[in-house]
Amino acid sequence: MKTTFFSRTVGWALAGTVILVVYGAQAPQAKAWNGAVPQLQAFFETGKQVAPFAIQVDRVESDVDALPAEFSDAIYENLIDEVTKTNKFQKVFRSGDHQADNLPNLLVLNTRVEKFQQGSETTRAVTTVGGATKLYVRMQVSGKDGKVLVDQKVAGNIRWFGENLKATHNLARGMAKILTQTKFSN
């Protein structure tokens, strides 16, 4: 019977608990465990430990001329925050961070705004029918070799109450959810 301890650290703090896995008669039960730690789940599925991925979030590009600069910046900053909150990645890097240059398991997140509809906070406050702010982007995640691993269109909007930039938060949350649900492999 073989015993293996697995833990996940993020920065200086222990982010997960230590899991005891016993190989032998209990292996099918351990393999069926659907844990929240992606590396541990991959370990159960393949029988070998998978190196965790890091991700670099590139600056937001736009095909829309009318996109205000504050929306582009807000998308970028909200993406950094939301992707970090997922705890799926070993580290989240900003565009141009040279610490990411030599990492073997680096993913790159590219975001391109394809459509933008500026809404009105006043119209949203007065009526329940108009004034929505809508953002439509294409997100692509590629490996260090340039191979595209994820290519999806995502929408973010604010329909009822709140300021227009709230649409960028909703968009970033949706993109982070897609990243969380995606299984990346070496």
Protein backbone atom coordinates (compact mmCIF):
# COMPACT_ATOMS: atom_id res chain seq x y z
CA MET A 1 0.00 0.00 0.00
CA LYS A 2 1.39 3.43 -1.03
CA THR A 3 0.54 6.71 0.67
CA THR A 4 0.86 10.11 -1.02
CA PHE A 5 0.45 13.57 0.45
CA PHE A 6 -0.58 16.44 -1.80
CA SER A 7 -0.87 20.11 -0.95
CA ARG A 8 -1.17 23.29 -2.97
CA THR A 9 0.52 26.52 -2.01
CA VAL A 10 -0.14 29.97 -3.38
CA GLY A 11 2.48 32.57 -2.58
CA TRP A 12 3.49 32.19 1.05
CA ALA A 13 0.22 30.80 2.39
CA LEU A 14 -1.14 27.30 2.32
CA ALA A 15 -4.26 27.50 0.15
CA GLY A 16 -5.47 23.94 0.42
CA THR A 17 -5.52 21.17 2.91
CA VAL A 18 -3.25 18.18 2.92
CA ILE A 19 -5.00 15.21 1.34
CA LEU A 20 -4.10 11.64 2.19
CA VAL A 21 -4.53 9.21 -0.69
CA VAL A 22 -4.11 5.51 -0.16
CA TYR A 23 -3.40 3.35 -3.20
CA GLY A 24 -4.64 -0.18 -3.24
CA ALA A 25 -8.15 -1.26 -2.37
CA GLN A 26 -9.38 2.31 -1.87
CA ALA A 27 -7.99 3.66 -5.18
CA PRO A 28 -11.35 3.59 -7.03
CA GLN A 29 -12.94 5.62 -4.24
CA ALA A 30 -10.11 8.13 -4.32
CA LYS A 31 -10.28 8.37 -8.11
CA ALA A 32 -14.00 9.16 -7.96
CA TRP A 33 -13.37 12.19 -5.73
CA ASN A 34 -14.30 15.37 -7.57
CA GLY A 35 -12.18 17.93 -5.75
CA ALA A 36 -11.98 21.66 -6.16
CA VAL A 37 -8.21 21.66 -6.71
CA PRO A 38 -7.61 21.12 -10.46
CA GLN A 39 -4.12 19.67 -10.02
CA LEU A 40 -5.41 17.09 -7.55
CA GLN A 41 -8.28 16.13 -9.83
CA ALA A 42 -5.84 15.72 -12.73
CA PHE A 43 -3.66 13.62 -10.43
CA PHE A 44 -6.57 11.26 -9.75
CA GLU A 45 -7.53 11.06 -13.43
CA THR A 46 -4.05 10.40 -14.81
CA GLY A 47 -2.17 8.94 -11.85
CA LYS A 48 0.60 11.53 -12.15
CA GLN A 49 1.02 14.99 -10.75
CA VAL A 50 0.42 17.81 -13.25
CA ALA A 51 2.45 20.98 -13.05
CA PRO A 52 0.15 23.94 -12.32
CA PHE A 53 -0.35 26.59 -14.97
CA ALA A 54 0.28 30.29 -14.70
CA ILE A 55 -1.60 32.78 -16.86
CA GLN A 56 -0.66 36.12 -18.35
CA VAL A 57 -3.52 38.53 -19.00
CA ASP A 58 -2.74 40.69 -22.04
CA ARG A 59 -4.07 44.21 -22.53
CA VAL A 60 -7.52 44.44 -24.09
CA GLU A 61 -7.65 45.06 -27.83
CA SER A 62 -10.65 46.56 -29.59
CA ASP A 63 -12.26 46.40 -33.02
CA VAL A 64 -14.64 49.15 -31.87
CA ASP A 65 -13.57 52.76 -32.41
CA ALA A 66 -16.19 54.13 -30.00
CA LEU A 67 -14.96 52.13 -26.99
CA PRO A 68 -13.97 54.60 -24.26
CA ALA A 69 -10.51 54.03 -22.78
CA GLU A 70 -11.95 53.60 -19.28
CA PHE A 71 -13.89 50.53 -20.46
CA SER A 72 -10.77 48.92 -21.89
CA ASP A 73 -8.85 49.60 -18.68
CA ALA A 74 -11.73 48.42 -16.48
CA ILE A 75 -12.02 45.14 -18.42
CA TYR A 76 -8.29 44.53 -17.96
CA GLU A 77 -8.25 45.31 -14.23
CA ASN A 78 -11.43 43.31 -13.55
CA LEU A 79 -9.97 40.35 -15.47
CA ILE A 80 -6.84 40.42 -13.30
CA ASP A 81 -9.02 40.45 -10.15
CA GLU A 82 -11.51 37.79 -11.24
CA VAL A 83 -8.90 35.37 -12.65
CA THR A 84 -6.88 35.71 -9.44
CA LYS A 85 -9.99 34.95 -7.35
CA THR A 86 -10.49 31.62 -9.15
CA ASN A 87 -7.31 30.17 -7.58
CA LYS A 88 -7.02 27.94 -10.65
CA PHE A 89 -3.65 29.31 -11.68
CA GLN A 90 -0.34 29.19 -9.86
CA LYS A 91 0.17 32.88 -10.60
CA VAL A 92 -1.60 35.58 -12.62
CA PHE A 93 0.74 37.89 -14.54
CA ARG A 94 0.02 41.24 -16.09
CA SER A 95 0.95 41.95 -19.69
CA GLY A 96 4.66 42.68 -20.06
CA ASP A 97 5.70 41.07 -16.77
CA HIS A 98 9.15 39.59 -17.45
CA GLN A 99 8.83 37.06 -14.62
CA ALA A 100 6.52 35.10 -16.93
CA ASP A 101 9.03 34.84 -19.79
CA ASN A 102 10.68 31.56 -18.76
CA LEU A 103 7.74 29.67 -17.28
CA PRO A 104 7.09 26.34 -19.02
CA ASN A 105 3.35 26.16 -18.23
CA LEU A 106 2.34 29.70 -19.14
CA LEU A 107 -1.05 30.42 -20.70
CA VAL A 108 -1.83 33.76 -22.34
CA LEU A 109 -5.31 35.31 -22.21
CA ASN A 110 -6.11 37.64 -25.12
CA THR A 111 -9.30 39.70 -25.13
CA ARG A 112 -10.68 41.57 -28.15
CA VAL A 113 -13.79 43.76 -27.92
CA GLU A 114 -15.95 43.01 -30.97
CA LYS A 115 -19.07 45.02 -30.16
CA PHE A 116 -19.97 47.74 -27.66
CA GLN A 117 -23.25 49.47 -26.90
CA GLN A 118 -23.02 52.39 -24.48
CA GLY A 119 -26.06 52.60 -22.23
CA SER A 120 -27.41 55.31 -20.02
CA GLU A 121 -27.48 55.13 -16.24
CA THR A 122 -30.24 57.73 -16.17
CA THR A 123 -32.44 55.80 -18.60
CA ARG A 124 -31.93 52.61 -16.57
CA ALA A 125 -32.90 54.42 -13.38
CA VAL A 126 -36.06 55.94 -14.88
CA THR A 127 -37.29 53.03 -17.00
CA THR A 128 -36.85 49.28 -16.84
CA VAL A 129 -36.72 48.83 -20.60
CA GLY A 130 -33.83 50.84 -21.98
CA GLY A 131 -30.37 52.06 -21.22
CA ALA A 132 -28.47 48.76 -21.05
CA THR A 133 -24.71 48.79 -21.57
CA LYS A 134 -23.48 45.75 -23.49
CA LEU A 135 -20.00 44.42 -24.25
CA TYR A 136 -19.20 41.53 -26.57
CA VAL A 137 -15.66 40.14 -26.61
CA ARG A 138 -13.73 37.20 -28.00
CA MET A 139 -11.48 35.58 -25.45
CA GLN A 140 -8.61 33.37 -26.53
CA VAL A 141 -6.31 31.40 -24.28
CA SER A 142 -3.18 30.07 -25.91
CA GLY A 143 -0.21 28.10 -24.71
CA LYS A 144 3.34 29.33 -24.83
CA ASP A 145 3.70 27.63 -28.23
CA GLY A 146 0.87 29.81 -29.62
CA LYS A 147 -1.65 26.98 -29.91
CA VAL A 148 -5.16 28.28 -29.11
CA LEU A 149 -6.73 26.26 -26.28
CA VAL A 150 -9.88 28.33 -25.73
CA ASP A 151 -11.68 30.52 -28.27
CA GLN A 152 -15.04 31.81 -27.10
CA LYS A 153 -17.32 34.81 -27.41
CA VAL A 154 -18.45 36.27 -24.09
CA ALA A 155 -20.96 39.00 -23.30
CA GLY A 156 -21.18 41.33 -20.35
CA ASN A 157 -23.92 43.82 -19.64
CA ILE A 158 -25.62 45.96 -17.07
CA ARG A 159 -29.38 46.12 -17.53
CA TRP A 160 -30.96 47.48 -14.38
CA PHE A 161 -29.20 49.57 -11.76
CA GLY A 162 -25.59 50.59 -11.49
CA GLU A 163 -22.99 52.47 -13.39
CA ASN A 164 -21.97 51.58 -16.94
CA LEU A 165 -18.57 50.18 -15.92
CA LYS A 166 -20.35 47.42 -13.97
CA ALA A 167 -20.72 45.70 -17.36
CA THR A 168 -16.93 45.18 -17.37
CA HIS A 169 -17.11 43.44 -14.00
CA ASN A 170 -19.89 41.14 -15.21
CA LEU A 171 -17.88 40.38 -18.35
CA ALA A 172 -14.71 39.56 -16.38
CA ARG A 173 -16.67 37.31 -14.03
CA GLY A 174 -18.08 35.39 -17.00
CA MET A 175 -14.62 34.99 -18.54
CA ALA A 176 -13.19 33.77 -15.23
CA LYS A 177 -15.99 31.20 -14.99
CA ILE A 178 -15.08 29.85 -18.43
CA LEU A 179 -11.42 29.58 -17.38
CA THR A 180 -12.43 27.76 -14.20
CA GLN A 181 -14.49 25.21 -16.14
CA THR A 182 -11.78 24.58 -18.75
CA LYS A 183 -9.39 21.68 -18.21
CA PHE A 184 -5.89 22.55 -19.35
CA SER A 185 -3.32 19.81 -19.90
CA ASN A 186 0.38 19.77 -20.67
